[in-house]
Amino acid sequence: MALAEFLGPCVIVTQDSVFSRFGFAVIEWIPVAQSLLRLAGLEATAANALVLIELALRLFGVGAHRLVVAASRNPLPTAAAVGGLLWWCYRRGYLARDNWRRRLSRVGEATVPLLELASAGMAEHQVLSDSLLVVEPPAYPTTEQLAARYLARCGRLLTPGELRDALARRGHAISAAQLKRDMLAHAAFVRAPGDLWTVGRPVRG
């Protein structure tokens, strides 16, 4: 239980009836494994979608910034180009109100399946989450708990600086020096050459 809370949120799968009697673990591991795999797939899909959206916004922002800079340096050619473009759109009927309404309606129709798919994924994620017996972490985690949770899930060794940056992206501002001090003082962390850190040691047969 202490380990599950330290690394939480966690799901305990064990045949020890003590955990199941108190509602902290499940013995039938196959349904749990299936649910966890499906949850991981849904979360990975959502994460990939967010990365693509962020990349698209960055590219759009860079392009818009360059256009603004170019326009400010060449105001007369820019005004002429914009005026010519507007005149061309007007002659082709692209600026007509009915045309805009029709195009916006098509865009709305195209987004409906995507919104329905996202809604279905969120609903399934909620159902799967509710079906799991999860050992939740404390509301105010310590520095050691934050570090251990990330190291246990990232799958590689990190320096205190890399760990600091990873936690900062999740809204936790902790200095590399503080992380190193806390990991040195806690027995759960293992230091490798190159000031690389992980949590726990491999089981030796």
N, C-alpha and C. Protein backbone atom coordinates (compact mmCIF):
# COMPACT_ATOMS: atom_id res chain seq x y z
N MET A 1 0.83 -1.19 0.00
CA MET A 1 0.00 0.00 0.00
C MET A 1 0.87 1.25 0.00
N ALA A 2 1.95 1.21 0.77
CA ALA A 2 2.84 2.37 0.82
C ALA A 2 3.47 2.62 -0.56
N LEU A 3 3.86 1.55 -1.24
CA LEU A 3 4.45 1.69 -2.57
C LEU A 3 3.42 2.20 -3.57
N ALA A 4 2.20 1.68 -3.49
CA ALA A 4 1.15 2.11 -4.41
C ALA A 4 0.83 3.58 -4.21
N GLU A 5 0.80 4.04 -2.98
CA GLU A 5 0.54 5.46 -2.72
C GLU A 5 1.73 6.32 -3.16
N PHE A 6 2.94 5.78 -2.96
CA PHE A 6 4.14 6.51 -3.34
C PHE A 6 4.19 6.76 -4.84
N LEU A 7 3.77 5.76 -5.62
CA LEU A 7 3.81 5.86 -7.08
C LEU A 7 2.44 6.14 -7.69
N GLY A 8 1.43 6.38 -6.85
CA GLY A 8 0.06 6.52 -7.34
C GLY A 8 -0.14 7.60 -8.38
N PRO A 9 -1.23 7.52 -9.14
CA PRO A 9 -2.28 6.51 -9.00
C PRO A 9 -1.82 5.14 -9.52
N CYS A 10 -2.17 4.09 -8.78
CA CYS A 10 -1.76 2.73 -9.11
C CYS A 10 -2.94 1.78 -8.97
N VAL A 11 -2.86 0.69 -9.72
CA VAL A 11 -3.81 -0.42 -9.59
C VAL A 11 -3.05 -1.61 -9.06
N ILE A 12 -3.50 -2.18 -7.95
CA ILE A 12 -2.85 -3.34 -7.34
C ILE A 12 -3.53 -4.61 -7.84
N VAL A 13 -2.75 -5.50 -8.42
CA VAL A 13 -3.24 -6.81 -8.85
C VAL A 13 -2.52 -7.86 -8.02
N THR A 14 -3.25 -8.57 -7.18
CA THR A 14 -2.64 -9.53 -6.28
C THR A 14 -3.65 -10.60 -5.90
N GLN A 15 -3.16 -11.77 -5.48
CA GLN A 15 -4.02 -12.84 -4.98
C GLN A 15 -4.15 -12.79 -3.47
N ASP A 16 -3.54 -11.82 -2.84
CA ASP A 16 -3.65 -11.66 -1.40
C ASP A 16 -5.02 -11.09 -1.07
N SER A 17 -5.83 -11.85 -0.35
CA SER A 17 -7.21 -11.45 -0.09
C SER A 17 -7.32 -10.26 0.84
N VAL A 18 -6.24 -9.94 1.58
CA VAL A 18 -6.29 -8.79 2.48
C VAL A 18 -6.59 -7.51 1.70
N PHE A 19 -5.92 -7.34 0.57
CA PHE A 19 -6.12 -6.14 -0.24
C PHE A 19 -7.54 -6.10 -0.81
N SER A 20 -7.99 -7.24 -1.34
CA SER A 20 -9.32 -7.25 -1.97
C SER A 20 -10.43 -7.04 -0.94
N ARG A 21 -10.25 -7.56 0.29
CA ARG A 21 -11.28 -7.38 1.32
C ARG A 21 -11.48 -5.91 1.66
N PHE A 22 -10.41 -5.15 1.62
CA PHE A 22 -10.51 -3.74 1.95
C PHE A 22 -10.74 -2.87 0.71
N GLY A 23 -10.95 -3.52 -0.43
CA GLY A 23 -11.29 -2.77 -1.64
C GLY A 23 -10.15 -2.04 -2.30
N PHE A 24 -8.92 -2.56 -2.13
CA PHE A 24 -7.77 -1.89 -2.72
C PHE A 24 -7.12 -2.69 -3.84
N ALA A 25 -7.62 -3.88 -4.15
CA ALA A 25 -6.96 -4.69 -5.17
C ALA A 25 -7.97 -5.64 -5.79
N VAL A 26 -7.59 -6.16 -6.94
CA VAL A 26 -8.40 -7.15 -7.65
C VAL A 26 -7.55 -8.39 -7.89
N ILE A 27 -8.21 -9.54 -7.89
CA ILE A 27 -7.52 -10.81 -8.09
C ILE A 27 -7.60 -11.24 -9.55
N GLU A 28 -8.75 -10.98 -10.20
CA GLU A 28 -8.91 -11.33 -11.61
C GLU A 28 -8.18 -10.28 -12.44
N TRP A 29 -6.97 -10.62 -12.87
CA TRP A 29 -6.10 -9.62 -13.48
C TRP A 29 -6.36 -9.41 -14.96
N ILE A 30 -6.96 -10.40 -15.65
CA ILE A 30 -7.15 -10.26 -17.10
C ILE A 30 -8.06 -9.08 -17.45
N PRO A 31 -9.26 -8.94 -16.84
CA PRO A 31 -10.08 -7.76 -17.16
C PRO A 31 -9.39 -6.44 -16.82
N VAL A 32 -8.64 -6.45 -15.72
CA VAL A 32 -7.92 -5.23 -15.34
C VAL A 32 -6.86 -4.88 -16.38
N ALA A 33 -6.12 -5.89 -16.83
CA ALA A 33 -5.09 -5.64 -17.84
C ALA A 33 -5.71 -5.12 -19.14
N GLN A 34 -6.84 -5.70 -19.52
CA GLN A 34 -7.51 -5.23 -20.73
C GLN A 34 -7.96 -3.78 -20.59
N SER A 35 -8.52 -3.45 -19.44
CA SER A 35 -8.98 -2.08 -19.21
C SER A 35 -7.81 -1.10 -19.22
N LEU A 36 -6.69 -1.50 -18.57
CA LEU A 36 -5.53 -0.63 -18.53
C LEU A 36 -4.94 -0.41 -19.92
N LEU A 37 -4.89 -1.48 -20.73
CA LEU A 37 -4.38 -1.33 -22.09
C LEU A 37 -5.27 -0.41 -22.92
N ARG A 38 -6.58 -0.56 -22.75
CA ARG A 38 -7.49 0.30 -23.49
C ARG A 38 -7.37 1.75 -23.02
N LEU A 39 -7.24 1.95 -21.70
CA LEU A 39 -7.04 3.30 -21.17
C LEU A 39 -5.76 3.92 -21.73
N ALA A 40 -4.69 3.11 -21.76
CA ALA A 40 -3.43 3.62 -22.28
C ALA A 40 -3.57 4.02 -23.74
N GLY A 41 -4.30 3.21 -24.52
CA GLY A 41 -4.52 3.54 -25.92
C GLY A 41 -5.30 4.84 -26.11
N LEU A 42 -6.34 5.01 -25.31
CA LEU A 42 -7.13 6.24 -25.40
C LEU A 42 -6.31 7.47 -25.02
N GLU A 43 -5.52 7.34 -23.94
CA GLU A 43 -4.71 8.47 -23.50
C GLU A 43 -3.60 8.77 -24.50
N ALA A 44 -3.03 7.74 -25.12
CA ALA A 44 -2.00 7.97 -26.13
C ALA A 44 -2.59 8.68 -27.35
N THR A 45 -3.80 8.28 -27.75
CA THR A 45 -4.45 8.94 -28.88
C THR A 45 -4.72 10.41 -28.58
N ALA A 46 -5.20 10.68 -27.36
CA ALA A 46 -5.45 12.07 -26.97
C ALA A 46 -4.16 12.87 -26.93
N ALA A 47 -3.10 12.25 -26.41
CA ALA A 47 -1.81 12.96 -26.34
C ALA A 47 -1.29 13.26 -27.74
N ASN A 48 -1.41 12.31 -28.67
CA ASN A 48 -0.96 12.54 -30.03
C ASN A 48 -1.76 13.66 -30.69
N ALA A 49 -3.07 13.68 -30.43
CA ALA A 49 -3.91 14.73 -31.00
C ALA A 49 -3.49 16.10 -30.48
N LEU A 50 -3.18 16.19 -29.18
CA LEU A 50 -2.74 17.46 -28.61
C LEU A 50 -1.41 17.91 -29.21
N VAL A 51 -0.51 16.95 -29.43
CA VAL A 51 0.78 17.30 -30.03
C VAL A 51 0.59 17.84 -31.44
N LEU A 52 -0.30 17.20 -32.22
CA LEU A 52 -0.55 17.67 -33.58
C LEU A 52 -1.18 19.06 -33.58
N ILE A 53 -2.12 19.28 -32.66
CA ILE A 53 -2.76 20.60 -32.57
C ILE A 53 -1.73 21.66 -32.20
N GLU A 54 -0.88 21.34 -31.22
CA GLU A 54 0.15 22.30 -30.80
C GLU A 54 1.10 22.60 -31.96
N LEU A 55 1.49 21.56 -32.71
CA LEU A 55 2.40 21.76 -33.84
C LEU A 55 1.75 22.63 -34.91
N ALA A 56 0.47 22.37 -35.19
CA ALA A 56 -0.24 23.17 -36.19
C ALA A 56 -0.33 24.63 -35.76
N LEU A 57 -0.64 24.85 -34.49
CA LEU A 57 -0.73 26.23 -34.00
C LEU A 57 0.62 26.94 -34.06
N ARG A 58 1.69 26.21 -33.73
CA ARG A 58 3.01 26.82 -33.79
C ARG A 58 3.37 27.20 -35.23
N LEU A 59 3.11 26.27 -36.16
CA LEU A 59 3.41 26.56 -37.56
C LEU A 59 2.58 27.73 -38.06
N PHE A 60 1.31 27.77 -37.69
CA PHE A 60 0.46 28.88 -38.09
C PHE A 60 0.97 30.19 -37.49
N GLY A 61 1.37 30.14 -36.22
CA GLY A 61 1.88 31.35 -35.56
C GLY A 61 3.15 31.85 -36.22
N VAL A 62 4.07 30.93 -36.56
CA VAL A 62 5.31 31.33 -37.22
C VAL A 62 5.02 31.93 -38.58
N GLY A 63 4.12 31.28 -39.33
CA GLY A 63 3.78 31.81 -40.64
C GLY A 63 3.12 33.18 -40.57
N ALA A 64 2.20 33.35 -39.63
CA ALA A 64 1.52 34.64 -39.47
C ALA A 64 2.52 35.72 -39.06
N HIS A 65 3.44 35.37 -38.16
CA HIS A 65 4.44 36.35 -37.73
C HIS A 65 5.31 36.79 -38.89
N ARG A 66 5.72 35.85 -39.73
CA ARG A 66 6.56 36.21 -40.87
C ARG A 66 5.79 37.08 -41.87
N LEU A 67 4.51 36.79 -42.05
CA LEU A 67 3.71 37.61 -42.95
C LEU A 67 3.58 39.03 -42.42
N VAL A 68 3.37 39.15 -41.10
CA VAL A 68 3.25 40.48 -40.51
C VAL A 68 4.55 41.26 -40.65
N VAL A 69 5.68 40.60 -40.41
CA VAL A 69 6.97 41.26 -40.54
C VAL A 69 7.21 41.71 -41.98
N ALA A 70 6.90 40.80 -42.93
CA ALA A 70 7.10 41.15 -44.33
C ALA A 70 6.19 42.30 -44.75
N ALA A 71 4.93 42.30 -44.25
CA ALA A 71 4.00 43.38 -44.59
C ALA A 71 4.45 44.71 -44.02
N SER A 72 4.99 44.69 -42.79
CA SER A 72 5.43 45.94 -42.18
C SER A 72 6.65 46.52 -42.91
N ARG A 73 7.46 45.67 -43.49
CA ARG A 73 8.64 46.15 -44.22
C ARG A 73 8.30 46.62 -45.63
N ASN A 74 7.22 46.09 -46.19
CA ASN A 74 6.82 46.44 -47.55
C ASN A 74 5.34 46.80 -47.57
N PRO A 75 4.97 47.95 -47.01
CA PRO A 75 3.53 48.26 -46.88
C PRO A 75 2.83 48.46 -48.22
N LEU A 76 3.46 49.14 -49.18
CA LEU A 76 2.79 49.41 -50.45
C LEU A 76 2.54 48.13 -51.26
N PRO A 77 3.56 47.27 -51.47
CA PRO A 77 3.28 46.02 -52.17
C PRO A 77 2.26 45.14 -51.44
N THR A 78 2.31 45.16 -50.11
CA THR A 78 1.36 44.37 -49.34
C THR A 78 -0.06 44.87 -49.54
N ALA A 79 -0.25 46.20 -49.49
CA ALA A 79 -1.59 46.76 -49.70
C ALA A 79 -2.10 46.44 -51.09
N ALA A 80 -1.20 46.52 -52.09
CA ALA A 80 -1.61 46.20 -53.45
C ALA A 80 -1.99 44.74 -53.59
N ALA A 81 -1.21 43.86 -52.96
CA ALA A 81 -1.50 42.43 -53.05
C ALA A 81 -2.81 42.09 -52.36
N VAL A 82 -3.05 42.68 -51.17
CA VAL A 82 -4.31 42.42 -50.45
C VAL A 82 -5.49 42.95 -51.24
N GLY A 83 -5.34 44.16 -51.79
CA GLY A 83 -6.43 44.72 -52.59
C GLY A 83 -6.73 43.88 -53.81
N GLY A 84 -5.68 43.41 -54.49
CA GLY A 84 -5.89 42.55 -55.65
C GLY A 84 -6.56 41.24 -55.28
N LEU A 85 -6.16 40.68 -54.14
CA LEU A 85 -6.75 39.43 -53.70
C LEU A 85 -8.23 39.60 -53.36
N LEU A 86 -8.55 40.68 -52.66
CA LEU A 86 -9.95 40.94 -52.33
C LEU A 86 -10.79 41.16 -53.58
N TRP A 87 -10.25 41.89 -54.55
CA TRP A 87 -10.98 42.12 -55.80
C TRP A 87 -11.22 40.81 -56.54
N TRP A 88 -10.19 39.95 -56.57
CA TRP A 88 -10.34 38.65 -57.23
C TRP A 88 -11.39 37.79 -56.53
N CYS A 89 -11.37 37.79 -55.18
CA CYS A 89 -12.37 37.01 -54.43
C CYS A 89 -13.77 37.56 -54.66
N TYR A 90 -13.88 38.89 -54.77
CA TYR A 90 -15.19 39.50 -55.00
C TYR A 90 -15.72 39.12 -56.38
N ARG A 91 -14.87 39.16 -57.39
CA ARG A 91 -15.30 38.81 -58.75
C ARG A 91 -15.68 37.34 -58.86
N ARG A 92 -15.01 36.49 -58.09
CA ARG A 92 -15.33 35.06 -58.13
C ARG A 92 -16.49 34.69 -57.23
N GLY A 93 -16.98 35.63 -56.44
CA GLY A 93 -18.12 35.35 -55.57
C GLY A 93 -17.77 34.74 -54.24
N TYR A 94 -16.47 34.72 -53.89
CA TYR A 94 -16.07 34.11 -52.63
C TYR A 94 -16.46 34.94 -51.41
N LEU A 95 -16.73 36.24 -51.61
CA LEU A 95 -17.07 37.10 -50.48
C LEU A 95 -18.57 37.21 -50.26
N ALA A 96 -19.36 36.55 -51.08
CA ALA A 96 -20.82 36.61 -50.92
C ALA A 96 -21.24 35.94 -49.62
N ARG A 97 -22.26 36.50 -48.96
CA ARG A 97 -22.70 35.99 -47.66
C ARG A 97 -23.19 34.55 -47.76
N ASP A 98 -23.96 34.25 -48.79
CA ASP A 98 -24.48 32.88 -48.95
C ASP A 98 -23.34 31.88 -49.14
N ASN A 99 -22.32 32.30 -49.87
CA ASN A 99 -21.17 31.42 -50.09
C ASN A 99 -20.46 31.11 -48.78
N TRP A 100 -20.29 32.15 -47.94
CA TRP A 100 -19.66 31.93 -46.64
C TRP A 100 -20.50 31.03 -45.76
N ARG A 101 -21.81 31.24 -45.76
CA ARG A 101 -22.68 30.39 -44.95
C ARG A 101 -22.60 28.94 -45.41
N ARG A 102 -22.57 28.72 -46.71
CA ARG A 102 -22.51 27.35 -47.22
C ARG A 102 -21.19 26.68 -46.83
N ARG A 103 -20.10 27.43 -46.93
CA ARG A 103 -18.80 26.85 -46.58
C ARG A 103 -18.69 26.56 -45.08
N LEU A 104 -19.20 27.50 -44.25
CA LEU A 104 -19.18 27.27 -42.81
C LEU A 104 -20.05 26.08 -42.44
N SER A 105 -21.17 25.93 -43.14
CA SER A 105 -22.03 24.78 -42.87
C SER A 105 -21.32 23.47 -43.21
N ARG A 106 -20.56 23.46 -44.30
CA ARG A 106 -19.81 22.25 -44.67
C ARG A 106 -18.73 21.94 -43.65
N VAL A 107 -18.05 22.99 -43.17
CA VAL A 107 -17.03 22.78 -42.14
C VAL A 107 -17.65 22.21 -40.88
N GLY A 108 -18.82 22.75 -40.49
CA GLY A 108 -19.51 22.23 -39.31
C GLY A 108 -19.91 20.78 -39.47
N GLU A 109 -20.41 20.42 -40.65
CA GLU A 109 -20.79 19.03 -40.91
C GLU A 109 -19.57 18.11 -40.87
N ALA A 110 -18.43 18.60 -41.34
CA ALA A 110 -17.22 17.77 -41.34
C ALA A 110 -16.69 17.53 -39.94
N THR A 111 -16.91 18.49 -39.03
CA THR A 111 -16.38 18.34 -37.67
C THR A 111 -17.27 17.48 -36.78
N VAL A 112 -18.53 17.26 -37.18
CA VAL A 112 -19.45 16.48 -36.34
C VAL A 112 -18.92 15.08 -36.05
N PRO A 113 -18.47 14.30 -37.07
CA PRO A 113 -17.93 12.95 -36.75
C PRO A 113 -16.74 12.99 -35.81
N LEU A 114 -15.86 14.01 -35.96
CA LEU A 114 -14.70 14.10 -35.07
C LEU A 114 -15.12 14.39 -33.64
N LEU A 115 -16.11 15.28 -33.49
CA LEU A 115 -16.60 15.59 -32.14
C LEU A 115 -17.27 14.38 -31.51
N GLU A 116 -18.03 13.64 -32.31
CA GLU A 116 -18.69 12.43 -31.79
C GLU A 116 -17.66 11.39 -31.39
N LEU A 117 -16.60 11.24 -32.20
CA LEU A 117 -15.54 10.28 -31.86
C LEU A 117 -14.83 10.68 -30.57
N ALA A 118 -14.53 11.98 -30.42
CA ALA A 118 -13.89 12.45 -29.20
C ALA A 118 -14.79 12.26 -27.98
N SER A 119 -16.08 12.53 -28.15
CA SER A 119 -17.02 12.36 -27.04
C SER A 119 -17.13 10.90 -26.63
N ALA A 120 -17.18 10.00 -27.63
CA ALA A 120 -17.25 8.57 -27.32
C ALA A 120 -15.99 8.10 -26.61
N GLY A 121 -14.82 8.60 -27.04
CA GLY A 121 -13.58 8.23 -26.38
C GLY A 121 -13.53 8.70 -24.94
N MET A 122 -13.99 9.93 -24.69
CA MET A 122 -14.00 10.46 -23.33
C MET A 122 -14.96 9.67 -22.45
N ALA A 123 -16.11 9.31 -23.00
CA ALA A 123 -17.08 8.53 -22.22
C ALA A 123 -16.52 7.15 -21.89
N GLU A 124 -15.87 6.51 -22.86
CA GLU A 124 -15.27 5.19 -22.61
C GLU A 124 -14.16 5.29 -21.58
N HIS A 125 -13.35 6.34 -21.68
CA HIS A 125 -12.27 6.54 -20.71
C HIS A 125 -12.83 6.68 -19.31
N GLN A 126 -13.93 7.43 -19.16
CA GLN A 126 -14.53 7.61 -17.85
C GLN A 126 -15.08 6.30 -17.30
N VAL A 127 -15.73 5.51 -18.16
CA VAL A 127 -16.29 4.22 -17.73
C VAL A 127 -15.17 3.28 -17.27
N LEU A 128 -14.09 3.21 -18.05
CA LEU A 128 -12.98 2.34 -17.69
C LEU A 128 -12.31 2.81 -16.40
N SER A 129 -12.16 4.12 -16.26
CA SER A 129 -11.54 4.65 -15.04
C SER A 129 -12.39 4.32 -13.82
N ASP A 130 -13.70 4.47 -13.95
CA ASP A 130 -14.58 4.18 -12.82
C ASP A 130 -14.60 2.71 -12.45
N SER A 131 -14.29 1.83 -13.42
CA SER A 131 -14.35 0.40 -13.15
C SER A 131 -13.10 -0.11 -12.43
N LEU A 132 -12.05 0.69 -12.37
CA LEU A 132 -10.80 0.25 -11.75
C LEU A 132 -10.75 0.64 -10.28
N LEU A 133 -10.15 -0.22 -9.49
CA LEU A 133 -9.88 0.08 -8.09
C LEU A 133 -8.50 0.72 -8.02
N VAL A 134 -8.47 2.02 -7.89
CA VAL A 134 -7.23 2.77 -7.99
C VAL A 134 -6.82 3.28 -6.62
N VAL A 135 -5.54 3.08 -6.30
CA VAL A 135 -4.97 3.69 -5.10
C VAL A 135 -4.56 5.10 -5.49
N GLU A 136 -5.30 6.08 -5.01
CA GLU A 136 -5.07 7.46 -5.41
C GLU A 136 -3.90 8.07 -4.62
N PRO A 137 -3.17 8.98 -5.26
CA PRO A 137 -2.09 9.66 -4.56
C PRO A 137 -2.65 10.72 -3.63
N PRO A 138 -1.86 11.20 -2.69
CA PRO A 138 -2.32 12.28 -1.81
C PRO A 138 -2.54 13.56 -2.60
N ALA A 139 -3.38 14.42 -2.07
CA ALA A 139 -3.72 15.66 -2.78
C ALA A 139 -2.52 16.57 -2.94
N TYR A 140 -1.59 16.54 -1.98
CA TYR A 140 -0.42 17.41 -2.03
C TYR A 140 0.83 16.54 -2.00
N PRO A 141 1.29 16.05 -3.17
CA PRO A 141 2.43 15.14 -3.19
C PRO A 141 3.73 15.84 -2.81
N THR A 142 4.62 15.07 -2.25
CA THR A 142 5.95 15.58 -1.90
C THR A 142 6.84 15.58 -3.13
N THR A 143 8.00 16.20 -2.99
CA THR A 143 8.96 16.21 -4.10
C THR A 143 9.38 14.80 -4.47
N GLU A 144 9.61 13.95 -3.46
CA GLU A 144 10.01 12.57 -3.72
C GLU A 144 8.94 11.81 -4.49
N GLN A 145 7.66 12.02 -4.14
CA GLN A 145 6.58 11.33 -4.83
C GLN A 145 6.48 11.77 -6.29
N LEU A 146 6.59 13.07 -6.53
CA LEU A 146 6.54 13.56 -7.91
C LEU A 146 7.68 12.99 -8.74
N ALA A 147 8.87 12.98 -8.17
CA ALA A 147 10.02 12.46 -8.89
C ALA A 147 9.88 10.96 -9.15
N ALA A 148 9.45 10.22 -8.14
CA ALA A 148 9.34 8.77 -8.29
C ALA A 148 8.28 8.40 -9.31
N ARG A 149 7.15 9.09 -9.31
CA ARG A 149 6.09 8.78 -10.27
C ARG A 149 6.55 8.98 -11.70
N TYR A 150 7.26 10.07 -11.93
CA TYR A 150 7.70 10.31 -13.30
C TYR A 150 8.78 9.30 -13.71
N LEU A 151 9.75 9.07 -12.84
CA LEU A 151 10.83 8.14 -13.17
C LEU A 151 10.29 6.72 -13.38
N ALA A 152 9.30 6.33 -12.60
CA ALA A 152 8.75 4.98 -12.72
C ALA A 152 8.02 4.78 -14.04
N ARG A 153 7.54 5.86 -14.65
CA ARG A 153 6.73 5.74 -15.85
C ARG A 153 7.46 6.12 -17.13
N CYS A 154 8.54 6.89 -17.02
CA CYS A 154 9.19 7.36 -18.24
C CYS A 154 10.04 6.29 -18.91
N GLY A 155 10.48 5.28 -18.16
CA GLY A 155 11.20 4.16 -18.77
C GLY A 155 12.67 4.40 -19.05
N ARG A 156 13.26 5.46 -18.50
CA ARG A 156 14.68 5.70 -18.71
C ARG A 156 15.25 6.51 -17.54
N LEU A 157 16.57 6.52 -17.45
CA LEU A 157 17.24 7.27 -16.40
C LEU A 157 17.34 8.74 -16.80
N LEU A 158 17.21 9.63 -15.81
CA LEU A 158 17.25 11.06 -16.08
C LEU A 158 18.21 11.76 -15.13
N THR A 159 18.77 12.85 -15.60
CA THR A 159 19.53 13.72 -14.71
C THR A 159 18.56 14.59 -13.92
N PRO A 160 19.01 15.17 -12.82
CA PRO A 160 18.12 16.08 -12.08
C PRO A 160 17.60 17.23 -12.95
N GLY A 161 18.41 17.73 -13.86
CA GLY A 161 17.96 18.80 -14.75
C GLY A 161 16.87 18.34 -15.70
N GLU A 162 17.02 17.14 -16.27
CA GLU A 162 15.99 16.61 -17.16
C GLU A 162 14.69 16.34 -16.40
N LEU A 163 14.83 15.83 -15.18
CA LEU A 163 13.65 15.58 -14.36
C LEU A 163 12.97 16.89 -13.99
N ARG A 164 13.76 17.92 -13.68
CA ARG A 164 13.20 19.25 -13.38
C ARG A 164 12.37 19.76 -14.55
N ASP A 165 12.90 19.64 -15.77
CA ASP A 165 12.20 20.14 -16.95
C ASP A 165 10.92 19.34 -17.20
N ALA A 166 10.98 18.02 -16.99
CA ALA A 166 9.79 17.19 -17.20
C ALA A 166 8.69 17.53 -16.21
N LEU A 167 9.05 17.74 -14.95
CA LEU A 167 8.05 18.10 -13.95
C LEU A 167 7.52 19.51 -14.19
N ALA A 168 8.37 20.40 -14.69
CA ALA A 168 7.92 21.77 -14.97
C ALA A 168 6.84 21.77 -16.05
N ARG A 169 6.97 20.87 -17.02
CA ARG A 169 5.94 20.79 -18.07
C ARG A 169 4.61 20.31 -17.52
N ARG A 170 4.63 19.72 -16.34
CA ARG A 170 3.40 19.26 -15.68
C ARG A 170 2.96 20.20 -14.57
N GLY A 171 3.55 21.36 -14.52
CA GLY A 171 3.11 22.38 -13.57
C GLY A 171 3.76 22.33 -12.21
N HIS A 172 4.88 21.59 -12.07
CA HIS A 172 5.57 21.49 -10.78
C HIS A 172 6.95 22.14 -10.90
N ALA A 173 7.11 23.29 -10.28
CA ALA A 173 8.37 24.02 -10.36
C ALA A 173 9.27 23.62 -9.20
N ILE A 174 10.23 22.75 -9.48
CA ILE A 174 11.18 22.27 -8.47
C ILE A 174 12.57 22.36 -9.07
N SER A 175 13.50 22.92 -8.34
CA SER A 175 14.85 23.08 -8.85
C SER A 175 15.56 21.73 -8.94
N ALA A 176 16.56 21.67 -9.82
CA ALA A 176 17.35 20.44 -9.95
C ALA A 176 18.11 20.14 -8.67
N ALA A 177 18.60 21.18 -8.00
CA ALA A 177 19.33 20.97 -6.75
C ALA A 177 18.42 20.37 -5.68
N GLN A 178 17.18 20.85 -5.61
CA GLN A 178 16.24 20.31 -4.62
C GLN A 178 15.90 18.86 -4.93
N LEU A 179 15.68 18.55 -6.20
CA LEU A 179 15.40 17.18 -6.59
C LEU A 179 16.56 16.25 -6.22
N LYS A 180 17.77 16.70 -6.48
CA LYS A 180 18.94 15.87 -6.17
C LYS A 180 19.07 15.65 -4.68
N ARG A 181 18.85 16.68 -3.88
CA ARG A 181 18.94 16.52 -2.42
C ARG A 181 17.90 15.52 -1.91
N ASP A 182 16.67 15.64 -2.39
CA ASP A 182 15.61 14.75 -1.91
C ASP A 182 15.82 13.33 -2.38
N MET A 183 16.33 13.14 -3.60
CA MET A 183 16.56 11.78 -4.08
C MET A 183 17.73 11.13 -3.35
N LEU A 184 18.75 11.92 -3.02
CA LEU A 184 19.87 11.38 -2.25
C LEU A 184 19.42 10.92 -0.87
N ALA A 185 18.45 11.62 -0.29
CA ALA A 185 18.02 11.32 1.07
C ALA A 185 16.98 10.21 1.14
N HIS A 186 16.48 9.74 0.00
CA HIS A 186 15.41 8.74 0.00
C HIS A 186 15.94 7.43 -0.57
N ALA A 187 15.61 6.32 0.10
CA ALA A 187 16.17 5.03 -0.29
C ALA A 187 15.56 4.47 -1.57
N ALA A 188 14.46 5.03 -2.07
CA ALA A 188 13.82 4.48 -3.26
C ALA A 188 14.59 4.80 -4.54
N PHE A 189 15.44 5.82 -4.51
CA PHE A 189 16.09 6.28 -5.73
C PHE A 189 17.49 5.68 -5.85
N VAL A 190 17.86 5.41 -7.09
CA VAL A 190 19.16 4.81 -7.40
C VAL A 190 19.89 5.75 -8.35
N ARG A 191 21.15 6.03 -8.00
CA ARG A 191 21.98 6.91 -8.82
C ARG A 191 22.96 6.08 -9.64
N ALA A 192 22.99 6.37 -10.96
CA ALA A 192 23.90 5.68 -11.87
C ALA A 192 24.99 6.65 -12.29
N PRO A 193 26.08 6.14 -12.88
CA PRO A 193 27.14 7.03 -13.36
C PRO A 193 26.59 8.09 -14.32
N GLY A 194 27.18 9.27 -14.28
CA GLY A 194 26.71 10.37 -15.10
C GLY A 194 25.61 11.17 -14.45
N ASP A 195 25.42 10.99 -13.13
CA ASP A 195 24.37 11.68 -12.38
C ASP A 195 22.99 11.39 -12.96
N LEU A 196 22.79 10.13 -13.35
CA LEU A 196 21.50 9.67 -13.86
C LEU A 196 20.75 8.97 -12.74
N TRP A 197 19.45 9.17 -12.70
CA TRP A 197 18.65 8.66 -11.60
C TRP A 197 17.47 7.83 -12.10
N THR A 198 17.14 6.83 -11.27
CA THR A 198 15.92 6.04 -11.51
C THR A 198 15.33 5.72 -10.14
N VAL A 199 14.20 5.04 -10.18
CA VAL A 199 13.56 4.66 -8.91
C VAL A 199 13.49 3.14 -8.85
N GLY A 200 13.94 2.56 -7.74
CA GLY A 200 13.90 1.11 -7.57
C GLY A 200 15.09 0.42 -8.23
N ARG A 201 15.31 -0.83 -7.82
CA ARG A 201 16.39 -1.63 -8.37
C ARG A 201 15.82 -2.88 -9.01
N PRO A 202 16.44 -3.39 -10.10
CA PRO A 202 15.95 -4.62 -10.71
C PRO A 202 16.00 -5.80 -9.75
N VAL A 203 15.02 -6.67 -9.86
CA VAL A 203 14.98 -7.86 -9.01
C VAL A 203 16.08 -8.82 -9.46
N ARG A 204 16.83 -9.33 -8.51
CA ARG A 204 17.90 -10.29 -8.82
C ARG A 204 17.45 -11.68 -8.38
N GLY A 205 17.50 -12.63 -9.35
CA GLY A 205 17.08 -13.99 -9.06
C GLY A 205 18.08 -14.73 -8.21
